[in-house]
Protein backbone atom coordinates (compact mmCIF):
# COMPACT_ATOMS: atom_id res chain seq x y z
CA MET A 1 16.75 1.20 -21.20
CA ALA A 2 16.45 -1.86 -18.88
CA ALA A 3 20.72 -2.58 -19.31
CA ALA A 4 20.85 1.16 -17.88
CA ALA A 5 18.24 0.18 -14.95
CA ASP A 6 17.77 -1.74 -11.98
CA VAL A 7 14.22 -1.36 -12.35
CA LEU A 8 11.74 -0.70 -14.98
CA PHE A 9 8.38 0.37 -14.07
CA VAL A 10 5.80 -1.17 -16.49
CA MET A 11 2.40 0.87 -16.73
CA ALA A 12 -0.56 -1.02 -17.08
CA TYR A 13 -3.28 1.64 -16.23
CA ASP A 14 -5.37 4.17 -18.32
CA MET A 15 -4.72 1.83 -21.68
CA GLN A 16 -8.06 3.68 -22.92
CA SER A 17 -6.41 6.76 -22.38
CA GLN A 18 -6.41 7.59 -25.83
CA VAL A 19 -8.18 5.56 -28.19
CA TYR A 20 -7.99 5.17 -32.79
CA GLY A 21 -10.64 2.42 -32.58
CA ARG A 22 -14.45 2.46 -31.59
CA CYS A 23 -15.13 4.76 -28.47
CA VAL A 24 -16.87 2.00 -26.21
CA ALA A 25 -16.25 1.62 -22.39
CA GLN A 26 -13.27 -1.27 -21.78
CA ALA A 27 -11.61 -1.99 -18.66
CA ASN A 28 -8.69 0.15 -17.54
CA ALA A 29 -6.03 -2.17 -17.72
CA PRO A 30 -7.65 -5.09 -19.46
CA LEU A 31 -5.83 -8.59 -18.59
CA GLU A 32 -4.91 -10.20 -21.40
CA GLN A 33 -3.43 -6.65 -22.91
CA VAL A 34 -1.13 -6.58 -19.66
CA ARG A 35 -0.07 -9.81 -20.35
CA TRP A 36 1.09 -9.76 -23.83
CA GLY A 37 2.76 -6.45 -22.84
CA LEU A 38 4.91 -8.18 -20.20
CA GLN A 39 5.70 -10.54 -22.35
CA GLN A 40 6.83 -8.20 -25.11
CA TYR A 41 9.49 -7.31 -22.26
CA LEU A 42 10.35 -10.56 -21.83
CA ALA A 43 10.68 -11.73 -25.02
CA MET A 44 13.72 -8.46 -25.52
CA GLY A 45 15.02 -10.19 -22.50
CA ILE A 46 14.25 -7.94 -19.83
CA SER A 47 14.27 -10.42 -16.38
CA ALA A 48 10.72 -10.66 -14.71
CA SER A 49 11.98 -9.80 -11.57
CA GLN A 50 13.56 -6.49 -13.19
CA MET A 51 9.71 -5.58 -14.07
CA VAL A 52 7.82 -3.47 -11.32
CA LEU A 53 3.96 -3.87 -12.77
CA GLY A 54 2.23 -0.74 -11.75
CA VAL A 55 -1.64 -1.48 -11.47
CA PRO A 56 -4.61 0.97 -11.21
CA TRP A 57 -6.32 1.53 -7.48
CA TYR A 58 -9.76 3.02 -9.14
CA GLY A 59 -11.95 2.68 -11.86
CA TYR A 60 -13.95 4.30 -14.20
CA ARG A 61 -17.99 5.35 -14.63
CA TYR A 62 -19.02 5.82 -18.29
CA GLN A 63 -22.25 7.18 -19.59
CA CYS A 64 -23.50 5.02 -22.48
CA GLN A 65 -25.14 6.41 -25.35
CA GLY A 66 -28.49 5.06 -26.07
CA SER A 67 -29.14 1.81 -25.30
CA PRO A 68 -27.22 -1.43 -27.09
CA PRO A 69 -28.83 -3.85 -28.93
CA PRO A 70 -29.93 -6.91 -26.97
CA ASP A 71 -27.08 -9.00 -28.48
CA VAL A 72 -24.62 -6.58 -28.25
CA ASP A 73 -22.44 -6.58 -25.28
CA PHE A 74 -20.53 -2.88 -25.39
CA CYS A 75 -21.36 0.59 -24.42
CA VAL A 76 -21.02 2.91 -26.84
CA LEU A 77 -19.03 6.39 -25.38
CA ARG A 78 -19.73 10.05 -26.77
CA SER A 79 -16.45 10.80 -28.85
CA THR A 80 -14.47 13.01 -26.06
CA PRO A 81 -11.63 14.55 -27.81
CA PHE A 82 -8.30 14.59 -26.52
CA ARG A 83 -4.63 15.04 -27.97
CA ASN A 84 -5.68 14.64 -31.71
CA VAL A 85 -7.77 11.09 -30.93
CA SER A 86 -11.28 11.44 -30.81
CA CYS A 87 -12.46 8.61 -27.81
CA SER A 88 -10.24 9.20 -24.32
CA ASP A 89 -10.96 8.20 -20.91
CA ALA A 90 -12.63 11.81 -19.98
CA ALA A 91 -15.22 10.54 -21.57
CA GLY A 92 -15.93 8.97 -18.01
CA GLY A 93 -15.32 9.81 -14.37
CA GLU A 94 -12.62 7.83 -12.07
CA ILE A 95 -13.53 6.38 -8.96
CA GLY A 96 -11.49 5.21 -6.29
CA ALA A 97 -10.75 1.54 -5.04
CA SER A 98 -12.26 2.22 -1.81
CA THR A 99 -15.47 3.42 -3.44
CA LEU A 100 -15.70 0.51 -5.72
CA ALA A 101 -14.78 -2.04 -2.82
CA ARG A 102 -18.05 -0.80 -0.96
CA ARG A 103 -20.41 -1.04 -3.24
CA ARG A 104 -21.91 -4.29 -5.34
CA VAL A 105 -21.22 -4.45 -9.32
CA GLY A 106 -25.20 -3.02 -9.43
CA GLU A 107 -25.01 -0.03 -7.08
CA ILE A 108 -21.93 1.57 -9.13
CA ASN A 109 -24.35 3.68 -11.13
CA GLN A 110 -25.43 5.54 -7.83
CA VAL A 111 -21.68 6.59 -7.07
């Protein structure tokens, strides 16, 4: 595709959209996954100057199912099937970047 196009748009958002693994709250665009994906394009010979990185201007608010044990640092989500997978970002609600910018981390739950 890159050989036939001037620009390749790399979507680095909604990476929690349809998940086959555990249904837990995660970053919308986890830095390490984004970095790995870009490195894969570079390894195929696609020039960095030919790529445009699309990043989210929003986040998600998730409702955790129960309280995790004290030594666990993740939030288990209710199963929200979508397109034949058991978990999706539909388990949460979008929060716009402007709202996130006005809030401190501890206040996000009141949005």
